[in-house]
Amino acid sequence: MGPASTSEGVASLQARLRGMWKGKSFNPMIADDDASVLHSAIQDGLSIITNDKRVYKNIERLGYSSERY
């Protein structure tokens, strides 16, 4: 188990992603559960391994390490 994510950390990741696309018609989102897992991994310096293309792209947009399987 990694460190617990915080609601502030989750909200921060979601706000950063929304801020990248402010004023544009495209509005990517990262779900609370996905943002929680990402926040926990960030605290440990780990990458995320996922087969969810949407989550993978959003993690990359945020500048974090992600791998697909």
Protein backbone atom coordinates (compact mmCIF):
# COMPACT_ATOMS: atom_id res chain seq x y z
CA MET A 1 0.00 0.00 0.00
CA GLY A 2 1.19 3.45 -0.83
CA PRO A 3 0.57 6.61 1.14
CA ALA A 4 -3.00 7.79 1.46
CA SER A 5 -4.13 10.41 -1.00
CA THR A 6 -5.74 13.58 0.29
CA SER A 7 -8.85 15.34 -0.93
CA GLU A 8 -6.70 18.44 -1.48
CA GLY A 9 -4.25 16.46 -3.63
CA VAL A 10 -7.06 14.97 -5.70
CA ALA A 11 -8.71 18.37 -6.18
CA SER A 12 -5.37 19.90 -7.16
CA LEU A 13 -4.76 17.31 -9.89
CA GLN A 14 -8.29 17.78 -11.24
CA ALA A 15 -7.97 21.58 -11.18
CA ARG A 16 -4.60 21.48 -12.98
CA LEU A 17 -6.09 19.32 -15.74
CA ARG A 18 -9.13 21.60 -16.12
CA GLY A 19 -6.86 24.67 -16.15
CA MET A 20 -4.91 23.36 -19.14
CA TRP A 21 -8.02 23.49 -21.27
CA LYS A 22 -9.75 26.58 -19.88
CA GLY A 23 -11.69 28.36 -22.61
CA LYS A 24 -11.46 25.45 -25.05
CA SER A 25 -14.26 23.18 -26.19
CA PHE A 26 -12.32 20.06 -25.10
CA ASN A 27 -12.47 19.45 -21.35
CA PRO A 28 -10.60 16.34 -20.13
CA MET A 29 -11.43 15.08 -16.67
CA ILE A 30 -9.84 12.62 -14.31
CA ALA A 31 -12.25 10.75 -12.03
CA ASP A 32 -11.89 11.01 -8.25
CA ASP A 33 -10.76 7.39 -7.93
CA ASP A 34 -8.16 7.73 -10.70
CA ALA A 35 -6.88 11.01 -9.28
CA SER A 36 -6.64 9.40 -5.84
CA VAL A 37 -4.48 6.54 -7.15
CA LEU A 38 -2.31 9.03 -9.07
CA HIS A 39 -1.86 11.25 -6.02
CA SER A 40 -0.76 8.27 -3.94
CA ALA A 41 1.72 7.16 -6.63
CA ILE A 42 3.13 10.69 -6.95
CA GLN A 43 3.90 10.76 -3.23
CA ASP A 44 6.00 7.59 -3.63
CA GLY A 45 7.51 8.64 -6.97
CA LEU A 46 5.91 5.69 -8.76
CA SER A 47 4.48 5.47 -12.25
CA ILE A 48 0.97 4.26 -12.98
CA ILE A 49 0.39 1.17 -15.11
CA THR A 50 -3.02 1.22 -16.78
CA ASN A 51 -4.80 -0.02 -19.85
CA ASP A 52 -7.32 2.84 -19.68
CA LYS A 53 -6.34 5.10 -22.58
CA ARG A 54 -8.17 8.13 -21.19
CA VAL A 55 -6.48 7.87 -17.80
CA TYR A 56 -3.10 7.26 -19.45
CA LYS A 57 -3.41 10.39 -21.61
CA ASN A 58 -4.51 12.55 -18.68
CA ILE A 59 -1.60 11.36 -16.52
CA GLU A 60 0.79 12.20 -19.37
CA ARG A 61 -0.84 15.63 -19.78
CA LEU A 62 -0.18 16.31 -16.12
CA GLY A 63 3.49 15.42 -16.64
CA TYR A 64 3.65 12.21 -14.64
CA SER A 65 4.97 8.79 -15.57
CA SER A 66 2.47 6.30 -16.92
CA GLU A 67 2.75 2.99 -18.72
CA ARG A 68 0.26 0.94 -20.67
CA TYR A 69 -0.05 -2.81 -20.60
